[in-house]
Amino acid sequence: IYVKALLAALRTIGGIKAMAHITGGGLTENLPRVLPATAAARIDLAAVNVPAVFRWLAGLGAIEPGEMLRTFNCGVGMAVVVSAAHADEVTASLTASGESVATIGRIEERAGAPVVYDGVLALGQP
C-alpha cells in the first residue's frame, strides 16, 4: 500500500537506506531484518501514534506493551531508514504522496538487542 509513495521518494531523493513493512512480528521482529548485525534501532515509543483499535485490543486482551510491539504494528505500517541529511526531503515527499510520516527513532551501534525501546507505548483506554 506504500509502494507508489516509496517509489517516488526512491526515484527522486537519495538517502533511503532500508525499508521494513511492519506486519506480524511488529517492530521487534521486522526491523532487525533490514539492519546490519552491528546496528540497532532505538525507538521512541512516545512518537508512535497508536490507533484506538490497538488500545482497545491491548485492554480487552490484557496484552502487555512488549507483546503488542512484538505481535502488531501498533500503527506503524512501514519503517523507512533514511540518512539524516535526507530525512526532511523524504518526509516531504512521502507527505506529498498522502502518507502520514513520523520520526520514531534512530539507528545506532548495537550493544545488545537489535531494537531498543525508550518510553512507554500509549495503550491507555481508547
C-alpha atoms as a PDB file:
ATOM      1  CA  ILE A   1       0.000   0.000   0.000  1.00  0.00           C
ATOM      2  CA  TYR A   2       3.015   2.268   0.317  1.00  0.00           C
ATOM      3  CA  VAL A   3       4.663   1.327  -2.965  1.00  0.00           C
ATOM      4  CA  LYS A   4       3.761   4.393  -5.061  1.00  0.00           C
ATOM      5  CA  ALA A   5       4.846   6.881  -2.403  1.00  0.00           C
ATOM      6  CA  LEU A   6       8.063   4.976  -1.673  1.00  0.00           C
ATOM      7  CA  LEU A   7       8.945   4.525  -5.343  1.00  0.00           C
ATOM      8  CA  ALA A   8       8.515   8.263  -5.903  1.00  0.00           C
ATOM      9  CA  ALA A   9      10.864   9.015  -2.995  1.00  0.00           C
ATOM     10  CA  LEU A  10      13.385   6.389  -4.114  1.00  0.00           C
ATOM     11  CA  ARG A  11      13.455   7.729  -7.656  1.00  0.00           C
ATOM     12  CA  THR A  12      13.846  11.398  -6.771  1.00  0.00           C
ATOM     13  CA  ILE A  13      15.682  11.542  -3.435  1.00  0.00           C
ATOM     14  CA  GLY A  14      18.766   9.773  -2.161  1.00  0.00           C
ATOM     15  CA  GLY A  15      19.271   8.672   1.365  1.00  0.00           C
ATOM     16  CA  ILE A  16      16.800   5.799   1.795  1.00  0.00           C
ATOM     17  CA  LYS A  17      18.900   3.043   3.352  1.00  0.00           C
ATOM     18  CA  ALA A  18      16.283   0.404   4.199  1.00  0.00           C
ATOM     19  CA  MET A  19      12.559  -0.239   4.392  1.00  0.00           C
ATOM     20  CA  ALA A  20      10.647  -2.678   6.580  1.00  0.00           C
ATOM     21  CA  HIS A  21       6.964  -3.444   6.152  1.00  0.00           C
ATOM     22  CA  ILE A  22       5.752  -3.836   9.728  1.00  0.00           C
ATOM     23  CA  THR A  23       3.396  -6.812   9.713  1.00  0.00           C
ATOM     24  CA  GLY A  24       3.100  -9.827  12.011  1.00  0.00           C
ATOM     25  CA  GLY A  25       6.121  -9.646  14.277  1.00  0.00           C
ATOM     26  CA  GLY A  26       5.725  -5.902  14.750  1.00  0.00           C
ATOM     27  CA  LEU A  27       8.696  -3.582  15.047  1.00  0.00           C
ATOM     28  CA  THR A  28      10.529  -6.074  17.254  1.00  0.00           C
ATOM     29  CA  GLU A  29      10.855  -8.766  14.599  1.00  0.00           C
ATOM     30  CA  ASN A  30      10.653  -6.818  11.335  1.00  0.00           C
ATOM     31  CA  LEU A  31      13.203  -4.033  11.868  1.00  0.00           C
ATOM     32  CA  PRO A  32      16.161  -6.369  12.502  1.00  0.00           C
ATOM     33  CA  ARG A  33      15.614  -7.933   9.061  1.00  0.00           C
ATOM     34  CA  VAL A  34      16.786  -4.741   7.337  1.00  0.00           C
ATOM     35  CA  LEU A  35      19.616  -3.808   9.702  1.00  0.00           C
ATOM     36  CA  PRO A  36      23.227  -4.965   9.622  1.00  0.00           C
ATOM     37  CA  ALA A  37      24.288  -7.105  12.585  1.00  0.00           C
ATOM     38  CA  THR A  38      26.175  -4.119  14.028  1.00  0.00           C
ATOM     39  CA  ALA A  39      23.184  -1.767  14.087  1.00  0.00           C
ATOM     40  CA  ALA A  40      20.209  -1.322  16.389  1.00  0.00           C
ATOM     41  CA  ALA A  41      17.031   0.693  16.008  1.00  0.00           C
ATOM     42  CA  ARG A  42      16.295   2.908  19.026  1.00  0.00           C
ATOM     43  CA  ILE A  43      12.554   3.605  19.018  1.00  0.00           C
ATOM     44  CA  ASP A  44      10.912   6.478  20.917  1.00  0.00           C
ATOM     45  CA  LEU A  45       7.554   4.983  21.887  1.00  0.00           C
ATOM     46  CA  ALA A  46       6.134   8.434  22.684  1.00  0.00           C
ATOM     47  CA  ALA A  47       6.460   9.217  18.952  1.00  0.00           C
ATOM     48  CA  VAL A  48       4.269   6.263  17.937  1.00  0.00           C
ATOM     49  CA  ASN A  49       0.671   7.336  17.282  1.00  0.00           C
ATOM     50  CA  VAL A  50      -1.210   4.250  18.467  1.00  0.00           C
ATOM     51  CA  PRO A  51      -4.651   3.940  16.806  1.00  0.00           C
ATOM     52  CA  ALA A  52      -7.646   3.290  19.052  1.00  0.00           C
ATOM     53  CA  VAL A  53      -8.085  -0.265  17.768  1.00  0.00           C
ATOM     54  CA  PHE A  54      -4.723  -1.289  19.245  1.00  0.00           C
ATOM     55  CA  ARG A  55      -5.508   0.357  22.579  1.00  0.00           C
ATOM     56  CA  TRP A  56      -8.849  -1.482  22.587  1.00  0.00           C
ATOM     57  CA  LEU A  57      -7.191  -4.792  21.712  1.00  0.00           C
ATOM     58  CA  ALA A  58      -4.499  -4.405  24.387  1.00  0.00           C
ATOM     59  CA  GLY A  59      -7.123  -3.591  27.011  1.00  0.00           C
ATOM     60  CA  LEU A  60      -9.571  -6.314  26.020  1.00  0.00           C
ATOM     61  CA  GLY A  61      -6.898  -8.987  25.861  1.00  0.00           C
ATOM     62  CA  ALA A  62      -4.799  -7.677  28.761  1.00  0.00           C
ATOM     63  CA  ILE A  63      -1.830  -7.705  26.366  1.00  0.00           C
ATOM     64  CA  GLU A  64       1.412  -6.261  27.701  1.00  0.00           C
ATOM     65  CA  PRO A  65       3.112  -3.477  25.689  1.00  0.00           C
ATOM     66  CA  GLY A  66       6.104  -5.680  24.816  1.00  0.00           C
ATOM     67  CA  GLU A  67       3.821  -8.322  23.363  1.00  0.00           C
ATOM     68  CA  MET A  68       1.858  -5.673  21.436  1.00  0.00           C
ATOM     69  CA  LEU A  69       5.127  -4.440  19.890  1.00  0.00           C
ATOM     70  CA  ARG A  70       6.203  -7.981  19.021  1.00  0.00           C
ATOM     71  CA  THR A  71       2.868  -9.037  17.540  1.00  0.00           C
ATOM     72  CA  PHE A  72       1.221  -5.968  15.964  1.00  0.00           C
ATOM     73  CA  ASN A  73       2.390  -2.894  14.076  1.00  0.00           C
ATOM     74  CA  CYS A  74       0.663  -0.610  16.645  1.00  0.00           C
ATOM     75  CA  GLY A  75       0.072   1.938  13.878  1.00  0.00           C
ATOM     76  CA  VAL A  76       3.489   1.833  12.197  1.00  0.00           C
ATOM     77  CA  GLY A  77       2.816   0.158   8.855  1.00  0.00           C
ATOM     78  CA  MET A  78       6.187   0.859   7.260  1.00  0.00           C
ATOM     79  CA  ALA A  79       9.547   1.832   8.687  1.00  0.00           C
ATOM     80  CA  VAL A  80      11.924   3.705   6.398  1.00  0.00           C
ATOM     81  CA  VAL A  81      15.544   4.119   7.438  1.00  0.00           C
ATOM     82  CA  VAL A  82      16.844   7.376   5.972  1.00  0.00           C
ATOM     83  CA  SER A  83      20.132   9.219   6.266  1.00  0.00           C
ATOM     84  CA  ALA A  84      19.803  12.277   8.488  1.00  0.00           C
ATOM     85  CA  ALA A  85      20.853  14.508   5.581  1.00  0.00           C
ATOM     86  CA  HIS A  86      17.837  13.415   3.521  1.00  0.00           C
ATOM     87  CA  ALA A  87      15.219  12.907   6.242  1.00  0.00           C
ATOM     88  CA  ASP A  88      13.374  16.177   5.628  1.00  0.00           C
ATOM     89  CA  GLU A  89      13.247  15.607   1.867  1.00  0.00           C
ATOM     90  CA  VAL A  90      11.975  12.039   2.218  1.00  0.00           C
ATOM     91  CA  THR A  91       9.398  13.157   4.793  1.00  0.00           C
ATOM     92  CA  ALA A  92       8.175  15.905   2.450  1.00  0.00           C
ATOM     93  CA  SER A  93       7.956  13.501  -0.494  1.00  0.00           C
ATOM     94  CA  LEU A  94       6.005  10.877   1.431  1.00  0.00           C
ATOM     95  CA  THR A  95       3.707  13.505   2.933  1.00  0.00           C
ATOM     96  CA  ALA A  96       3.057  14.987  -0.526  1.00  0.00           C
ATOM     97  CA  SER A  97       2.079  11.475  -1.645  1.00  0.00           C
ATOM     98  CA  GLY A  98      -0.553  11.342   1.101  1.00  0.00           C
ATOM     99  CA  GLU A  99       1.311   9.306   3.696  1.00  0.00           C
ATOM    100  CA  SER A 100       1.401  10.095   7.420  1.00  0.00           C
ATOM    101  CA  VAL A 101       5.035  10.331   8.476  1.00  0.00           C
ATOM    102  CA  ALA A 102       6.548  10.362  11.959  1.00  0.00           C
ATOM    103  CA  THR A 103      10.146  10.179  13.077  1.00  0.00           C
ATOM    104  CA  ILE A 104      10.053   7.386  15.641  1.00  0.00           C
ATOM    105  CA  GLY A 105      13.704   6.682  16.244  1.00  0.00           C
ATOM    106  CA  ARG A 106      17.245   6.436  15.031  1.00  0.00           C
ATOM    107  CA  ILE A 107      19.845   3.848  14.112  1.00  0.00           C
ATOM    108  CA  GLU A 108      22.807   3.384  16.413  1.00  0.00           C
ATOM    109  CA  GLU A 109      25.615   0.937  17.076  1.00  0.00           C
ATOM    110  CA  ARG A 110      24.252  -2.295  18.505  1.00  0.00           C
ATOM    111  CA  ALA A 111      25.227  -3.045  22.089  1.00  0.00           C
ATOM    112  CA  GLY A 112      22.588  -5.702  22.760  1.00  0.00           C
ATOM    113  CA  ALA A 113      19.118  -6.120  21.293  1.00  0.00           C
ATOM    114  CA  PRO A 114      18.543  -5.123  17.654  1.00  0.00           C
ATOM    115  CA  VAL A 115      15.523  -2.996  18.665  1.00  0.00           C
ATOM    116  CA  VAL A 116      15.636  -0.845  21.798  1.00  0.00           C
ATOM    117  CA  TYR A 117      12.549   0.923  23.099  1.00  0.00           C
ATOM    118  CA  ASP A 118      12.553   4.178  25.048  1.00  0.00           C
ATOM    119  CA  GLY A 119       9.478   5.465  26.850  1.00  0.00           C
ATOM    120  CA  VAL A 120       6.044   3.941  27.081  1.00  0.00           C
ATOM    121  CA  LEU A 121       3.654   2.844  24.326  1.00  0.00           C
ATOM    122  CA  ALA A 122       0.382   4.815  24.690  1.00  0.00           C
ATOM    123  CA  LEU A 123      -2.030   1.947  25.273  1.00  0.00           C
ATOM    124  CA  GLY A 124      -4.412   3.729  27.672  1.00  0.00           C
ATOM    125  CA  GLN A 125      -8.136   3.483  27.061  1.00  0.00           C
ATOM    126  CA  PRO A 126      -9.332   4.413  23.533  1.00  0.00           C
END
